[in-house]
């Protein structure tokens, strides 16, 4: 699902609000999440899951083309941990509540 698809679904669910207002809210939500992750904060959305930034350590790897061993730099990655409700829906095939 793309952001535009999400916007359209929200508009279908809340037709009493102008699409431009829904877009502002959606963009504001994503901006707030990005800012929080950039500050190193954890984001928890009940039922969906949590996001947090983890640091991957530097490691050695092999260049598949040359066989040369190279050192990869450490880097930050966003880790997502599934919430209980999402896990139950995905793995126990429970009907999604609308």
Protein backbone atom coordinates (compact mmCIF):
# COMPACT_ATOMS: atom_id res chain seq x y z
CA UNK A 1 0.00 0.00 0.00
CA UNK A 2 1.30 3.42 -0.95
CA UNK A 3 0.70 6.64 0.96
CA UNK A 4 -1.84 7.73 -1.68
CA UNK A 5 -3.75 4.45 -1.16
CA UNK A 6 -3.82 5.06 2.58
CA UNK A 7 -5.05 8.61 2.00
CA UNK A 8 -7.86 7.33 -0.24
CA UNK A 9 -8.91 4.71 2.33
CA UNK A 10 -9.02 7.32 5.07
CA UNK A 11 -11.09 9.59 2.84
CA UNK A 12 -13.54 6.74 2.13
CA UNK A 13 -13.84 6.09 5.86
CA UNK A 14 -14.21 9.78 6.80
CA UNK A 15 -15.91 11.49 3.83
CA UNK A 16 -17.09 14.37 6.03
CA UNK A 17 -13.52 15.71 6.11
CA UNK A 18 -11.88 17.34 3.07
CA UNK A 19 -9.18 15.22 1.44
CA UNK A 20 -6.67 18.07 1.88
CA UNK A 21 -7.21 18.04 5.66
CA UNK A 22 -6.78 14.28 5.82
CA UNK A 23 -3.55 14.64 3.81
CA UNK A 24 -2.26 17.28 6.26
CA UNK A 25 -3.01 15.01 9.22
CA UNK A 26 -1.41 11.99 7.53
CA UNK A 27 1.71 13.96 6.55
CA UNK A 28 1.91 15.49 10.03
CA UNK A 29 1.73 12.04 11.60
CA UNK A 30 4.51 10.70 9.40
CA UNK A 31 6.66 13.81 10.03
CA UNK A 32 6.22 13.41 13.79
CA UNK A 33 7.24 9.74 13.55
CA UNK A 34 10.31 10.58 11.47
CA UNK A 35 11.35 13.33 13.90
CA UNK A 36 10.95 11.00 16.89
CA UNK A 37 13.04 8.27 15.26
CA UNK A 38 15.70 10.82 14.28
CA UNK A 39 15.93 11.80 17.98
CA UNK A 40 16.38 8.13 18.90
CA UNK A 41 12.94 7.78 20.48
CA UNK A 42 10.83 4.65 20.35
CA UNK A 43 7.37 4.78 18.75
CA UNK A 44 4.64 2.44 19.94
CA UNK A 45 1.29 2.13 18.20
CA UNK A 46 -0.93 -0.25 20.16
CA UNK A 47 -2.15 -3.15 18.04
CA UNK A 48 0.24 -2.38 15.18
CA UNK A 49 3.67 -2.53 16.77
CA UNK A 50 6.70 -0.48 17.72
CA UNK A 51 9.52 1.18 15.83
CA UNK A 52 12.97 1.97 17.16
CA UNK A 53 16.37 2.81 15.76
CA UNK A 54 19.09 0.21 16.27
CA UNK A 55 22.79 0.52 15.53
CA UNK A 56 24.31 -2.25 13.43
CA UNK A 57 27.93 -2.94 14.28
CA UNK A 58 30.59 -2.81 11.61
CA UNK A 59 31.38 -6.20 10.14
CA UNK A 60 33.56 -7.95 7.62
CA UNK A 61 32.06 -9.09 4.33
CA UNK A 62 33.28 -10.52 1.06
CA UNK A 63 32.99 -8.78 -2.29
CA UNK A 64 31.33 -11.49 -4.41
CA UNK A 65 32.91 -10.22 -7.62
CA UNK A 66 36.55 -10.14 -6.47
CA UNK A 67 36.49 -12.30 -3.34
CA UNK A 68 38.19 -9.46 -1.45
CA UNK A 69 37.31 -9.10 2.24
CA UNK A 70 36.00 -5.64 3.03
CA UNK A 71 35.00 -3.86 6.23
CA UNK A 72 31.42 -2.60 6.32
CA UNK A 73 30.74 0.51 8.38
CA UNK A 74 28.34 0.55 11.30
CA UNK A 75 24.95 2.03 10.48
CA UNK A 76 21.57 2.84 11.95
CA UNK A 77 18.50 0.86 10.91
CA UNK A 78 14.83 1.11 11.88
CA UNK A 79 13.56 -2.02 13.58
CA UNK A 80 9.83 -2.87 13.64
CA UNK A 81 8.38 -5.23 16.22
CA UNK A 82 4.87 -6.48 15.51
CA UNK A 83 2.11 -5.85 18.03
CA UNK A 84 -0.06 -8.61 19.46
CA UNK A 85 -3.17 -7.72 17.44
CA UNK A 86 -1.28 -7.62 14.12
CA UNK A 87 0.51 -10.86 14.94
CA UNK A 88 -2.78 -12.55 15.82
CA UNK A 89 -4.39 -11.37 12.57
CA UNK A 90 -1.45 -12.38 10.37
CA UNK A 91 -0.60 -15.73 11.90
CA UNK A 92 -3.89 -17.05 13.24
CA UNK A 93 -5.94 -15.85 10.30
CA UNK A 94 -8.45 -14.01 12.47
CA UNK A 95 -11.00 -11.96 10.55
CA UNK A 96 -9.98 -8.27 10.35
CA UNK A 97 -12.39 -6.00 12.23
CA UNK A 98 -13.55 -2.96 10.25
